[in-house]
Amino acid sequence: MVKISPLAGKQLPSADLVDIPALLAAYYDRKPDVAVATQRVAFGTSGHRGSPLHTSFNENHILAMCEAIARYRKAEGIDGPLFLGIDSHAVSAPAQRTALEVLAAHGIKVHIDQSGGYTPTPVISHAILAYNKGRTTGLADGIVVTPSHNPPSDGGFKYNPPHGGPADTAITKAIQDMANEFLANGLQDVQRLAYDTAIQHPCITKYDFVTPYVADLASVIDMEAIRAAGVKIGIDPLGGAAVGYWQRIVEQYGLNATIVSTEVDPQFGFMTADWDGQIRMDCSSPYAMARLISMGQKFDVAFANDTDADRHGIVAQPDGLMNPNHYLAVAIFYLYQNRSEWKKDLGIGKTLVSSSLIDRVAAELGRKLVEVPVGLKWFVPGLIDGSLGFGGEESAGATFLRRDGTVWTTDKDGLILSLLAAEITAKTGKNPSQHYHELIARLGTPYYQRIDAAATPEQKARLSKLSPEQYPGDTLAGEAITAKLTKAPGNGAAIGGLKVTTRDGWFAARPSGTEDVYKIYAESFKSPEHLKEIQEEAQTVINKVLSV
């Protein structure tokens, strides 16, 4: 049982907040040792993440990764502009300065925010796709400096190639390995200019990211319907990159919306602590979302985004904060019935650890379900070629096509998923929470939970190589097993673990890509007691594997 901190859902005392001067000093002063595994560049499902305080996200990491990206671009013939965005974490701005020193030394054309502000992950994806549309040469790519919803002491770094979405494992491995070689040889091969020289270099351009993205929103969301219905909306940017975007969206489209806070604070002292007493800008956590949840009754629908705005949290009555799986199912059910220009054979993309309620929605809609491993990168080809209308993850991240059936973004977009909740409310007269209860009345109630447990790198490696034979029985929690999967049925890619399914339940076990933990996801359509049976049987098998 997860132990909930007494600080969960409360603001922390100022003495418990991160020391920003110490954090920034550590970014520059601490030097990673590649002989220490935790200090190496390591790309998980969402780029490289770490903290200067743990010598896992420091100036040298950024120097090495940018040098590797510069060389990767040259080798691949990528010579268009590079769109560079940052979020509001304290070390994101210093990391951008470091990145510019290397990118300018290579003469790479870099576009940065014209006002020195923040740029959400989906806006970078949108900018890449908009620039590359109709081009076959001179293609653009991008970098986003963000650790997503991670604590204020963390930093993160993601690379998006010309398709606009997260880089696949072949690209990230090439960048990661090259970067670690640069670290090992003391950065001798890294080209670099002084920042004052780099920022004045003609290849560095100030760029208006906000206007084209905001102006284009009406091509993906029925903004006029939201305005005309007068839906009363509450918005909490959680002090993240979307702060400057939501105000423009509200003004430009005449929305009846209240932005409950525009505060930006690198300590994130305004946040309420997550379940373990740590600050995370996790818009799917009821503890981190306590402020907006407490205001929920004031609005028809309310929503928040994490720090780089690639995730969404929806607050609607009667449920308050919606479970991400529940909202994804509602969003899919609505979109595939209310996008008249979408092709009739568009598939529905889900990760294999997302709720099987989505499977049941797909079956009711008569649409093909495409189930892939964890990571939005697996949806990129289908979004680009128009074979997928929607791609979503259980961790509250998703994107979908424009109203005309063409690609919008190939990375998660928390802004459009938030606005979709308002569109659903405007056009149906019912909020997403009410739609969810109608869905489960027809399709069954899902009981879903994820459990995290500590695991060493060696144990994680064993878990990632699980085979169907290592789950010996033919039943799970009293039901006949219908499948034992180590490859995703939607694309045949390895899932890095094992998924076992029955008619009314399933579990999946996989190692984390960014932390020394493994995760067991499980779901039952029978009862909480049946869910617990599934979890216990799964845990028994996993423990045997890990204890070898």
Protein backbone atom coordinates (compact mmCIF):
# COMPACT_ATOMS: atom_id res chain seq x y z
CA MET A 1 0.00 0.00 0.00
CA VAL A 2 1.33 3.42 -0.96
CA LYS A 3 1.85 5.61 2.09
CA ILE A 4 0.38 9.09 1.60
CA SER A 5 2.43 11.92 3.11
CA PRO A 6 0.70 14.19 5.63
CA LEU A 7 1.91 17.06 3.40
CA ALA A 8 -0.03 15.75 0.36
CA GLY A 9 -2.46 18.34 -0.99
CA LYS A 10 -0.93 21.15 1.09
CA GLN A 11 1.48 23.97 0.31
CA LEU A 12 4.96 23.32 1.68
CA PRO A 13 6.67 25.59 4.22
CA SER A 14 9.14 27.94 2.52
CA ALA A 15 12.03 26.17 4.27
CA ASP A 16 11.14 22.96 2.38
CA LEU A 17 11.24 24.56 -1.07
CA VAL A 18 14.20 24.10 -3.39
CA ASP A 19 17.14 26.50 -2.89
CA ILE A 20 17.31 28.14 -6.32
CA PRO A 21 20.79 29.75 -5.95
CA ALA A 22 22.22 26.40 -4.82
CA LEU A 23 20.46 24.63 -7.69
CA LEU A 24 21.84 27.02 -10.31
CA ALA A 25 25.33 26.85 -8.80
CA ALA A 26 25.18 23.05 -8.99
CA TYR A 27 24.14 23.25 -12.65
CA TYR A 28 27.42 25.00 -13.51
CA ASP A 29 29.77 23.63 -10.85
CA ARG A 30 29.09 19.91 -10.70
CA LYS A 31 30.79 17.78 -13.36
CA PRO A 32 29.28 14.39 -14.25
CA ASP A 33 31.42 11.25 -14.10
CA VAL A 34 30.42 8.86 -16.89
CA ALA A 35 31.73 5.96 -14.81
CA VAL A 36 28.71 6.57 -12.55
CA ALA A 37 25.60 5.25 -14.30
CA THR A 38 23.26 7.85 -12.80
CA GLN A 39 25.45 10.69 -14.09
CA ARG A 40 25.44 9.59 -17.73
CA VAL A 41 23.16 10.95 -20.45
CA ALA A 42 20.19 8.58 -20.53
CA PHE A 43 17.16 9.08 -22.76
CA GLY A 44 14.02 7.46 -21.35
CA THR A 45 10.57 7.64 -22.93
CA SER A 46 10.64 11.44 -22.60
CA GLY A 47 14.23 12.50 -23.15
CA HIS A 48 17.03 12.97 -20.63
CA ARG A 49 15.98 14.05 -17.13
CA GLY A 50 17.82 14.65 -13.89
CA SER A 51 18.79 17.23 -11.29
CA PRO A 52 21.90 19.40 -10.94
CA LEU A 53 21.86 18.46 -7.26
CA HIS A 54 22.39 14.79 -8.22
CA THR A 55 24.89 15.61 -11.01
CA SER A 56 22.46 14.17 -13.53
CA PHE A 57 21.43 17.40 -15.30
CA ASN A 58 24.32 19.84 -15.53
CA GLU A 59 25.98 22.18 -17.98
CA ASN A 60 28.22 19.42 -19.29
CA HIS A 61 25.25 17.22 -20.11
CA ILE A 62 23.72 19.98 -22.23
CA LEU A 63 27.03 20.75 -23.97
CA ALA A 64 27.47 17.08 -24.84
CA MET A 65 23.88 16.51 -26.01
CA CYS A 66 23.84 19.62 -28.19
CA GLU A 67 27.13 18.67 -29.81
CA ALA A 68 25.68 15.23 -30.50
CA ILE A 69 22.51 16.73 -31.99
CA ALA A 70 24.54 19.11 -34.17
CA ARG A 71 26.49 16.16 -35.56
CA TYR A 72 23.38 14.02 -35.93
CA ARG A 73 21.71 16.81 -37.93
CA LYS A 74 24.72 17.10 -40.21
CA ALA A 75 24.90 13.35 -40.79
CA GLU A 76 21.18 13.20 -41.61
CA GLY A 77 21.19 16.31 -43.82
CA ILE A 78 18.84 18.24 -41.53
CA ASP A 79 19.68 21.85 -42.29
CA GLY A 80 16.47 23.82 -41.69
CA PRO A 81 15.80 25.84 -38.55
CA LEU A 82 15.83 24.28 -35.10
CA PHE A 83 12.91 25.42 -32.92
CA LEU A 84 14.10 25.70 -29.31
CA GLY A 85 11.64 26.00 -26.41
CA ILE A 86 11.89 25.94 -22.64
CA ASP A 87 9.51 25.54 -19.72
CA SER A 88 9.49 27.37 -16.38
CA HIS A 89 11.69 25.02 -14.34
CA ALA A 90 14.60 26.94 -12.80
CA VAL A 91 17.34 25.21 -14.78
CA SER A 92 15.58 25.40 -18.16
CA ALA A 93 16.76 28.96 -18.95
CA PRO A 94 20.42 28.24 -18.07
CA ALA A 95 20.23 25.07 -20.16
CA GLN A 96 18.91 27.11 -23.11
CA ARG A 97 21.88 29.48 -22.77
CA THR A 98 24.26 26.51 -22.82
CA ALA A 99 22.49 25.00 -25.83
CA LEU A 100 22.77 28.24 -27.80
CA GLU A 101 26.52 28.37 -27.16
CA VAL A 102 26.94 25.03 -28.96
CA LEU A 103 24.28 25.40 -31.65
CA ALA A 104 25.56 28.85 -32.65
CA ALA A 105 29.12 27.51 -32.83
CA HIS A 106 27.85 25.09 -35.48
CA GLY A 107 26.00 27.85 -37.33
CA ILE A 108 22.65 26.13 -36.85
CA LYS A 109 19.64 28.38 -37.46
CA VAL A 110 17.84 28.45 -34.11
CA HIS A 111 14.46 30.03 -33.42
CA ILE A 112 13.83 31.04 -29.78
CA ASP A 113 10.84 32.80 -28.23
CA GLN A 114 10.85 36.48 -29.21
CA SER A 115 10.01 37.70 -25.71
CA GLY A 116 12.32 35.36 -23.82
CA GLY A 117 9.29 33.43 -22.61
CA TYR A 118 8.27 29.81 -22.35
CA THR A 119 7.17 27.50 -25.15
CA PRO A 120 4.98 24.41 -24.63
CA THR A 121 6.07 21.07 -26.10
CA PRO A 122 3.07 20.90 -28.50
CA VAL A 123 3.85 24.37 -29.83
CA ILE A 124 7.32 23.18 -30.87
CA SER A 125 5.77 20.17 -32.61
CA HIS A 126 3.22 22.42 -34.34
CA ALA A 127 5.96 24.81 -35.49
CA ILE A 128 8.08 21.98 -36.92
CA LEU A 129 5.17 20.50 -38.87
CA ALA A 130 3.98 23.88 -40.12
CA TYR A 131 7.46 24.78 -41.38
CA ASN A 132 8.06 21.39 -43.01
CA LYS A 133 4.68 21.17 -44.75
CA GLY A 134 5.27 20.80 -48.48
CA ARG A 135 9.06 20.64 -48.06
CA THR A 136 11.37 17.74 -48.81
CA THR A 137 14.63 19.56 -48.11
CA GLY A 138 15.78 22.15 -45.59
CA LEU A 139 13.64 20.50 -42.93
CA ALA A 140 13.22 21.84 -39.40
CA ASP A 141 13.49 20.00 -36.08
CA GLY A 142 13.33 21.03 -32.43
CA ILE A 143 14.50 20.82 -28.83
CA VAL A 144 12.36 21.28 -25.73
CA VAL A 145 14.11 21.90 -22.42
CA THR A 146 11.70 20.45 -19.85
CA PRO A 147 11.43 17.63 -17.32
CA SER A 148 7.64 17.71 -17.75
CA HIS A 149 5.81 17.58 -14.40
CA ASN A 150 8.92 16.63 -12.41
CA PRO A 151 9.91 18.47 -9.19
CA PRO A 152 11.31 22.05 -9.31
CA SER A 153 14.87 20.81 -8.77
CA ASP A 154 14.82 18.80 -12.02
CA GLY A 155 15.73 19.56 -15.60
CA GLY A 156 14.94 17.78 -18.84
CA PHE A 157 15.94 17.78 -22.51
CA LYS A 158 14.00 16.37 -25.47
CA TYR A 159 14.78 16.22 -29.18
CA ASN A 160 12.06 16.20 -31.85
CA PRO A 161 13.24 15.32 -35.38
CA PRO A 162 11.57 16.66 -38.56
CA HIS A 163 8.41 14.57 -38.09
CA GLY A 164 7.69 16.81 -35.09
CA GLY A 165 7.19 14.06 -32.53
CA PRO A 166 9.43 12.45 -29.92
CA ALA A 167 12.61 10.96 -31.37
CA ASP A 168 12.54 7.19 -31.70
CA THR A 169 14.93 4.88 -29.87
CA ALA A 170 17.41 4.65 -32.75
CA ILE A 171 17.85 8.44 -32.75
CA THR A 172 17.95 8.84 -28.98
CA LYS A 173 20.48 6.01 -28.63
CA ALA A 174 22.73 7.63 -31.23
CA ILE A 175 22.54 11.01 -29.44
CA GLN A 176 22.92 9.47 -26.00
CA ASP A 177 25.95 7.34 -26.93
CA MET A 178 27.69 10.20 -28.70
CA ALA A 179 27.02 12.56 -25.79
CA ASN A 180 28.49 10.13 -23.29
CA GLU A 181 31.62 9.80 -25.43
CA PHE A 182 32.01 13.59 -25.32
CA LEU A 183 31.62 13.54 -21.54
CA ALA A 184 34.18 10.74 -21.26
CA ASN A 185 36.82 12.68 -23.21
CA GLY A 186 36.32 15.85 -21.19
CA LEU A 187 34.28 17.67 -23.89
CA GLN A 188 37.42 18.16 -26.00
CA ASP A 189 35.44 17.76 -29.22
CA VAL A 190 32.59 20.11 -28.29
CA GLN A 191 32.39 23.35 -30.25
CA ARG A 192 31.25 26.33 -28.19
CA LEU A 193 30.98 30.11 -28.29
CA ALA A 194 30.74 32.48 -25.35
CA TYR A 195 27.05 33.21 -24.66
CA ASP A 196 27.33 36.94 -25.43
CA THR A 197 28.76 36.03 -28.81
CA ALA A 198 26.28 33.21 -29.44
CA ILE A 199 23.15 35.25 -28.71
CA GLN A 200 24.31 37.93 -31.18
CA HIS A 201 25.11 35.39 -33.90
CA PRO A 202 22.99 35.90 -37.03
CA CYS A 203 21.88 32.25 -36.91
CA ILE A 204 19.93 32.88 -33.68
CA THR A 205 16.50 34.36 -34.44
CA LYS A 206 13.76 35.66 -32.16
CA TYR A 207 10.52 33.98 -33.19
CA ASP A 208 6.80 34.47 -32.48
CA PHE A 209 5.62 31.02 -31.42
CA VAL A 210 2.38 32.22 -29.85
CA THR A 211 0.50 33.87 -32.73
CA PRO A 212 0.52 31.04 -35.31
CA TYR A 213 -0.35 28.35 -32.76
CA VAL A 214 -3.22 30.29 -31.20
CA ALA A 215 -4.56 31.38 -34.59
CA ASP A 216 -4.55 27.77 -35.81
CA LEU A 217 -6.52 26.33 -32.89
CA ALA A 218 -9.83 26.77 -34.69
CA SER A 219 -8.66 24.17 -37.22
CA VAL A 220 -8.58 21.49 -34.52
CA ILE A 221 -11.20 22.66 -31.96
CA ASP A 222 -14.65 24.20 -32.55
CA MET A 223 -13.72 27.42 -30.76
CA GLU A 224 -16.84 29.23 -32.00
CA ALA A 225 -19.09 26.63 -30.39
CA ILE A 226 -17.32 27.13 -27.05
CA ARG A 227 -17.69 30.91 -27.31
CA ALA A 228 -21.32 30.82 -28.45
CA ALA A 229 -22.38 28.44 -25.67
CA GLY A 230 -20.75 30.65 -23.04
CA VAL A 231 -19.25 27.62 -21.29
CA LYS A 232 -17.89 28.80 -17.94
CA ILE A 233 -14.27 27.63 -17.89
CA GLY A 234 -11.60 27.56 -15.19
CA ILE A 235 -7.94 27.34 -16.24
CA ASP A 236 -4.85 26.69 -14.09
CA PRO A 237 -1.53 26.69 -15.99
CA LEU A 238 0.23 25.46 -12.81
CA GLY A 239 2.92 28.08 -13.37
CA GLY A 240 4.06 26.37 -16.55
CA ALA A 241 4.83 27.17 -20.17
CA ALA A 242 1.15 27.63 -21.08
CA VAL A 243 0.76 30.72 -18.85
CA GLY A 244 1.21 33.19 -21.72
CA TYR A 245 -0.79 31.09 -24.16
CA TRP A 246 -4.03 30.74 -22.23
CA GLN A 247 -4.49 34.51 -21.89
CA ARG A 248 -4.11 34.95 -25.65
CA ILE A 249 -6.50 32.08 -26.35
CA VAL A 250 -9.17 33.47 -24.03
CA GLU A 251 -8.88 36.96 -25.54
CA GLN A 252 -8.66 35.95 -29.19
CA TYR A 253 -11.64 33.59 -29.09
CA GLY A 254 -13.78 35.49 -26.61
CA LEU A 255 -14.09 32.63 -24.14
CA ASN A 256 -15.96 32.87 -20.86
CA ALA A 257 -12.90 31.72 -18.95
CA THR A 258 -11.10 32.54 -15.72
CA ILE A 259 -7.38 31.90 -15.43
CA VAL A 260 -7.21 31.16 -11.72
CA SER A 261 -3.50 32.00 -11.42
CA THR A 262 -0.79 33.39 -13.67
CA GLU A 263 1.94 33.07 -11.04
CA VAL A 264 5.31 31.77 -12.20
CA ASP A 265 7.75 30.83 -9.45
CA PRO A 266 10.82 28.61 -9.98
CA GLN A 267 10.29 27.16 -6.50
CA PHE A 268 6.64 26.39 -7.36
CA GLY A 269 5.77 27.38 -3.81
CA PHE A 270 2.12 27.98 -4.80
CA MET A 271 1.72 24.28 -5.65
CA THR A 272 0.21 21.76 -3.26
CA ALA A 273 2.44 18.74 -2.66
CA ASP A 274 1.91 15.41 -4.41
CA TRP A 275 1.14 12.11 -2.64
CA ASP A 276 4.70 11.74 -1.26
CA GLY A 277 5.09 15.32 -0.04
CA GLN A 278 7.12 16.34 -3.09
CA ILE A 279 6.11 19.15 -5.44
CA ARG A 280 5.19 17.94 -8.91
CA MET A 281 3.17 19.81 -11.48
CA ASP A 282 1.21 16.64 -12.20
CA CYS A 283 -2.20 17.63 -13.50
CA SER A 284 -3.50 14.07 -13.08
CA SER A 285 -2.77 14.03 -9.33
CA PRO A 286 -5.61 15.01 -6.98
CA TYR A 287 -2.99 16.23 -4.48
CA ALA A 288 -1.16 18.49 -6.94
CA MET A 289 -4.50 19.67 -8.34
CA ALA A 290 -6.05 20.53 -4.96
CA ARG A 291 -6.38 24.24 -5.79
CA LEU A 292 -8.38 23.78 -8.98
CA ILE A 293 -10.41 20.91 -7.56
CA SER A 294 -11.50 23.17 -4.69
CA MET A 295 -12.78 25.69 -7.26
CA GLY A 296 -14.42 23.09 -9.51
CA GLN A 297 -18.00 23.88 -8.52
CA LYS A 298 -17.60 27.44 -9.85
CA PHE A 299 -17.17 26.28 -13.46
CA ASP A 300 -18.93 24.15 -16.06
CA VAL A 301 -15.57 22.57 -16.75
CA ALA A 302 -12.02 23.36 -15.59
CA PHE A 303 -8.60 22.17 -16.63
CA ALA A 304 -4.88 22.44 -16.00
CA ASN A 305 -1.64 21.55 -17.75
CA ASP A 306 1.72 20.34 -16.56
CA THR A 307 4.84 22.49 -16.91
CA ASP A 308 5.44 21.94 -20.62
CA ALA A 309 1.69 21.68 -21.37
CA ASP A 310 1.83 18.29 -23.04
CA ARG A 311 -0.54 16.84 -20.43
CA HIS A 312 -4.02 17.75 -19.28
CA GLY A 313 -6.12 17.44 -16.15
CA ILE A 314 -9.90 17.80 -16.44
CA VAL A 315 -12.10 18.86 -13.51
CA ALA A 316 -15.83 18.33 -14.01
CA GLN A 317 -18.74 17.35 -11.79
CA PRO A 318 -19.70 14.92 -10.40
CA ASP A 319 -16.23 13.36 -10.31
CA GLY A 320 -14.05 16.40 -9.69
CA LEU A 321 -10.65 15.55 -11.19
CA MET A 322 -11.24 12.93 -13.87
CA ASN A 323 -9.06 9.86 -14.09
CA PRO A 324 -6.98 10.30 -17.28
CA ASN A 325 -8.20 6.98 -18.71
CA HIS A 326 -11.81 8.00 -18.19
CA TYR A 327 -11.36 11.26 -20.05
CA LEU A 328 -9.45 9.62 -22.92
CA ALA A 329 -12.38 7.23 -23.44
CA VAL A 330 -14.86 10.12 -23.47
CA ALA A 331 -12.67 12.18 -25.83
CA ILE A 332 -12.40 9.30 -28.29
CA PHE A 333 -16.12 8.54 -28.15
CA TYR A 334 -16.95 12.19 -28.84
CA LEU A 335 -14.36 12.87 -31.55
CA TYR A 336 -15.17 9.86 -33.72
CA GLN A 337 -18.83 10.90 -33.82
CA ASN A 338 -18.31 14.64 -34.25
CA ARG A 339 -15.59 15.03 -36.87
CA SER A 340 -17.54 14.68 -40.11
CA GLU A 341 -14.45 15.17 -42.30
CA TRP A 342 -12.48 12.36 -40.67
CA LYS A 343 -12.14 9.18 -42.73
CA LYS A 344 -14.45 6.35 -41.73
CA ASP A 345 -11.54 3.90 -41.38
CA LEU A 346 -9.45 6.02 -38.99
CA GLY A 347 -7.91 3.91 -36.25
CA ILE A 348 -7.79 4.69 -32.53
CA GLY A 349 -4.33 4.66 -30.95
CA LYS A 350 -3.77 3.67 -27.32
CA THR A 351 -0.77 2.49 -25.31
CA LEU A 352 -1.06 -1.03 -23.96
CA VAL A 353 -1.22 0.18 -20.35
CA SER A 354 -4.22 2.43 -21.01
CA SER A 355 -7.67 1.34 -19.90
CA SER A 356 -9.51 -1.38 -21.80
CA LEU A 357 -12.53 0.90 -21.61
CA ILE A 358 -10.97 2.41 -24.74
CA ASP A 359 -11.09 -1.05 -26.36
CA ARG A 360 -14.78 -1.24 -25.59
CA VAL A 361 -15.39 2.26 -26.93
CA ALA A 362 -13.56 1.33 -30.15
CA ALA A 363 -15.67 -1.79 -30.53
CA GLU A 364 -18.90 0.17 -29.98
CA LEU A 365 -17.79 2.72 -32.59
CA GLY A 366 -16.75 -0.05 -35.01
CA ARG A 367 -13.24 1.40 -35.27
CA LYS A 368 -9.89 -0.34 -35.47
CA LEU A 369 -7.88 -0.26 -32.23
CA VAL A 370 -4.10 0.18 -32.58
CA GLU A 371 -2.38 -0.82 -29.33
CA VAL A 372 1.30 0.13 -29.05
CA PRO A 373 4.05 0.21 -26.38
CA VAL A 374 4.35 3.11 -23.93
CA GLY A 375 5.39 6.37 -25.61
CA LEU A 376 3.64 8.77 -27.96
CA LYS A 377 6.41 8.26 -30.52
CA TRP A 378 4.66 5.05 -31.64
CA PHE A 379 1.68 7.07 -32.93
CA VAL A 380 3.73 9.45 -35.08
CA PRO A 381 3.56 7.53 -38.40
CA GLY A 382 -0.21 7.02 -38.12
CA LEU A 383 -0.88 10.67 -37.26
CA ILE A 384 1.22 11.84 -40.19
CA ASP A 385 -0.26 9.48 -42.79
CA GLY A 386 -3.80 10.00 -41.48
CA SER A 387 -4.46 6.37 -40.48
CA LEU A 388 -4.88 7.30 -36.81
CA GLY A 389 -7.32 9.96 -35.66
CA PHE A 390 -6.22 9.90 -32.04
CA GLY A 391 -3.23 8.72 -30.02
CA GLY A 392 -3.27 8.75 -26.22
CA GLU A 393 -1.45 7.53 -23.12
CA GLU A 394 -2.75 6.65 -19.65
CA SER A 395 -0.51 9.37 -18.21
CA ALA A 396 -2.87 12.13 -19.42
CA GLY A 397 -1.12 12.83 -22.71
CA ALA A 398 -2.72 12.70 -26.16
CA THR A 399 -3.18 14.43 -29.49
CA PHE A 400 -5.57 14.12 -32.40
CA LEU A 401 -6.08 15.26 -35.99
CA ARG A 402 -7.42 18.59 -37.19
CA ARG A 403 -11.10 18.85 -37.98
CA ASP A 404 -10.31 18.21 -41.67
CA GLY A 405 -8.47 14.97 -40.85
CA THR A 406 -4.91 16.21 -41.32
CA VAL A 407 -2.11 16.19 -38.76
CA TRP A 408 -2.12 18.79 -35.95
CA THR A 409 0.83 17.80 -33.78
CA THR A 410 2.84 14.61 -33.44
CA ASP A 411 3.57 15.24 -29.78
CA LYS A 412 1.16 15.36 -26.85
CA ASP A 413 -0.93 18.53 -26.68
CA GLY A 414 -2.48 19.32 -23.33
CA LEU A 415 -4.02 22.55 -24.61
CA ILE A 416 -6.24 20.95 -27.26
CA LEU A 417 -7.29 18.11 -24.92
CA SER A 418 -8.29 20.79 -22.40
CA LEU A 419 -10.20 22.81 -25.00
CA LEU A 420 -11.88 19.63 -26.23
CA ALA A 421 -13.45 19.23 -22.78
CA ALA A 422 -15.00 22.67 -23.26
CA GLU A 423 -16.14 21.80 -26.79
CA ILE A 424 -17.79 18.59 -25.56
CA THR A 425 -19.61 20.59 -22.88
CA ALA A 426 -20.65 23.29 -25.35
CA LYS A 427 -21.95 21.01 -28.08
CA THR A 428 -23.61 18.28 -26.02
CA GLY A 429 -24.78 20.19 -22.97
CA LYS A 430 -23.03 17.62 -20.76
CA ASN A 431 -19.52 17.78 -19.36
CA PRO A 432 -16.97 14.96 -19.85
CA SER A 433 -17.61 13.52 -16.39
CA GLN A 434 -21.31 13.14 -17.16
CA HIS A 435 -20.44 11.48 -20.48
CA TYR A 436 -18.14 9.06 -18.67
CA HIS A 437 -20.96 7.86 -16.43
CA GLU A 438 -23.13 7.27 -19.50
CA LEU A 439 -20.31 5.27 -21.09
CA ILE A 440 -19.77 2.96 -18.14
CA ALA A 441 -23.51 2.39 -17.76
CA ARG A 442 -23.31 0.71 -21.18
CA LEU A 443 -19.77 -0.69 -21.26
CA GLY A 444 -18.95 -1.56 -17.66
CA THR A 445 -17.03 0.13 -14.85
CA PRO A 446 -13.23 -0.15 -14.95
CA TYR A 447 -11.21 -0.48 -11.74
CA TYR A 448 -7.66 0.52 -12.64
CA GLN A 449 -4.46 1.07 -10.67
CA ARG A 450 -0.73 1.41 -11.23
CA ILE A 451 1.71 0.23 -8.57
CA ASP A 452 5.38 1.32 -8.55
CA ALA A 453 8.07 -0.62 -6.70
CA ALA A 454 11.82 -0.25 -6.37
CA ALA A 455 14.04 -2.26 -8.71
CA THR A 456 17.77 -2.29 -9.42
CA PRO A 457 19.03 -1.75 -13.00
CA GLU A 458 19.76 -5.49 -13.17
CA GLN A 459 16.24 -6.37 -12.06
CA LYS A 460 14.78 -3.91 -14.55
CA ALA A 461 16.80 -5.55 -17.31
CA ARG A 462 15.39 -8.99 -16.37
CA LEU A 463 11.87 -7.61 -16.28
CA SER A 464 12.22 -6.06 -19.72
CA LYS A 465 13.05 -9.52 -21.12
CA LEU A 466 10.06 -11.33 -19.63
CA SER A 467 8.65 -14.10 -21.79
CA PRO A 468 5.09 -15.49 -21.88
CA GLU A 469 6.43 -18.77 -20.48
CA GLN A 470 7.39 -17.00 -17.25
CA TYR A 471 3.69 -16.63 -16.50
CA PRO A 472 3.01 -20.38 -16.34
CA GLY A 473 -0.73 -20.65 -15.67
CA ASP A 474 -3.70 -20.47 -18.01
CA THR A 475 -5.85 -18.40 -15.65
CA LEU A 476 -5.56 -14.98 -14.02
CA ALA A 477 -7.70 -14.19 -10.96
CA GLY A 478 -10.07 -17.02 -11.83
CA GLU A 479 -10.55 -16.15 -15.52
CA ALA A 480 -9.13 -17.87 -18.58
CA ILE A 481 -6.17 -16.03 -20.06
CA THR A 482 -6.86 -14.72 -23.56
CA ALA A 483 -3.36 -13.43 -24.37
CA LYS A 484 0.20 -13.23 -23.03
CA LEU A 485 1.94 -10.37 -24.83
CA THR A 486 5.57 -9.28 -25.06
CA LYS A 487 4.95 -7.42 -28.32
CA ALA A 488 2.29 -4.78 -28.91
CA PRO A 489 -0.56 -6.09 -31.09
CA GLY A 490 -0.84 -2.78 -32.94
CA ASN A 491 2.67 -2.67 -34.41
CA GLY A 492 4.60 -5.73 -33.26
CA ALA A 493 7.09 -3.65 -31.27
CA ALA A 494 8.56 -5.08 -28.07
CA ILE A 495 6.76 -3.77 -24.99
CA GLY A 496 9.78 -4.21 -22.72
CA GLY A 497 7.79 -6.36 -20.30
CA LEU A 498 4.71 -8.58 -20.23
CA LYS A 499 0.94 -8.06 -20.53
CA VAL A 500 -1.55 -10.79 -19.60
CA THR A 501 -5.24 -10.39 -20.47
CA THR A 502 -8.57 -12.05 -19.70
CA ARG A 503 -12.12 -11.16 -20.68
CA ASP A 504 -12.64 -8.87 -17.69
CA GLY A 505 -9.14 -7.92 -16.61
CA TRP A 506 -5.45 -7.62 -17.34
CA PHE A 507 -2.08 -6.65 -15.97
CA ALA A 508 1.11 -5.34 -17.55
CA ALA A 509 4.55 -5.21 -15.91
CA ARG A 510 7.38 -3.11 -17.24
CA PRO A 511 10.46 -1.26 -15.94
CA SER A 512 10.50 2.53 -15.79
CA GLY A 513 12.58 4.22 -18.47
CA THR A 514 13.66 7.07 -16.17
CA GLU A 515 13.68 5.79 -12.57
CA ASP A 516 14.88 2.71 -10.64
CA VAL A 517 11.37 1.32 -10.29
CA TYR A 518 9.14 -1.11 -12.08
CA LYS A 519 5.45 -0.61 -12.71
CA ILE A 520 2.52 -3.00 -12.56
CA TYR A 521 -0.60 -1.72 -14.29
CA ALA A 522 -3.80 -3.65 -13.71
CA GLU A 523 -7.50 -3.34 -14.45
CA SER A 524 -10.69 -5.22 -13.67
CA PHE A 525 -14.18 -4.76 -15.03
CA LYS A 526 -15.63 -6.84 -12.17
CA SER A 527 -14.76 -5.24 -8.84
CA PRO A 528 -12.01 -3.70 -6.70
CA GLU A 529 -11.59 -7.13 -5.09
CA HIS A 530 -10.99 -8.75 -8.49
CA LEU A 531 -8.45 -6.01 -9.27
CA LYS A 532 -6.61 -6.86 -6.06
CA GLU A 533 -6.53 -10.56 -7.05
CA ILE A 534 -5.01 -9.65 -10.40
CA GLN A 535 -2.39 -7.46 -8.73
CA GLU A 536 -1.44 -10.12 -6.19
CA GLU A 537 -1.02 -12.85 -8.81
CA ALA A 538 1.00 -10.51 -11.02
CA GLN A 539 3.18 -9.45 -8.08
CA THR A 540 3.92 -13.08 -7.19
CA VAL A 541 5.21 -13.82 -10.67
CA ILE A 542 7.24 -10.60 -10.88
CA ASN A 543 8.83 -11.22 -7.50
CA LYS A 544 10.00 -14.65 -8.67
CA VAL A 545 11.59 -13.11 -11.76
CA LEU A 546 13.30 -10.34 -9.79
CA SER A 547 14.64 -12.68 -7.11
CA VAL A 548 16.53 -14.94 -9.53
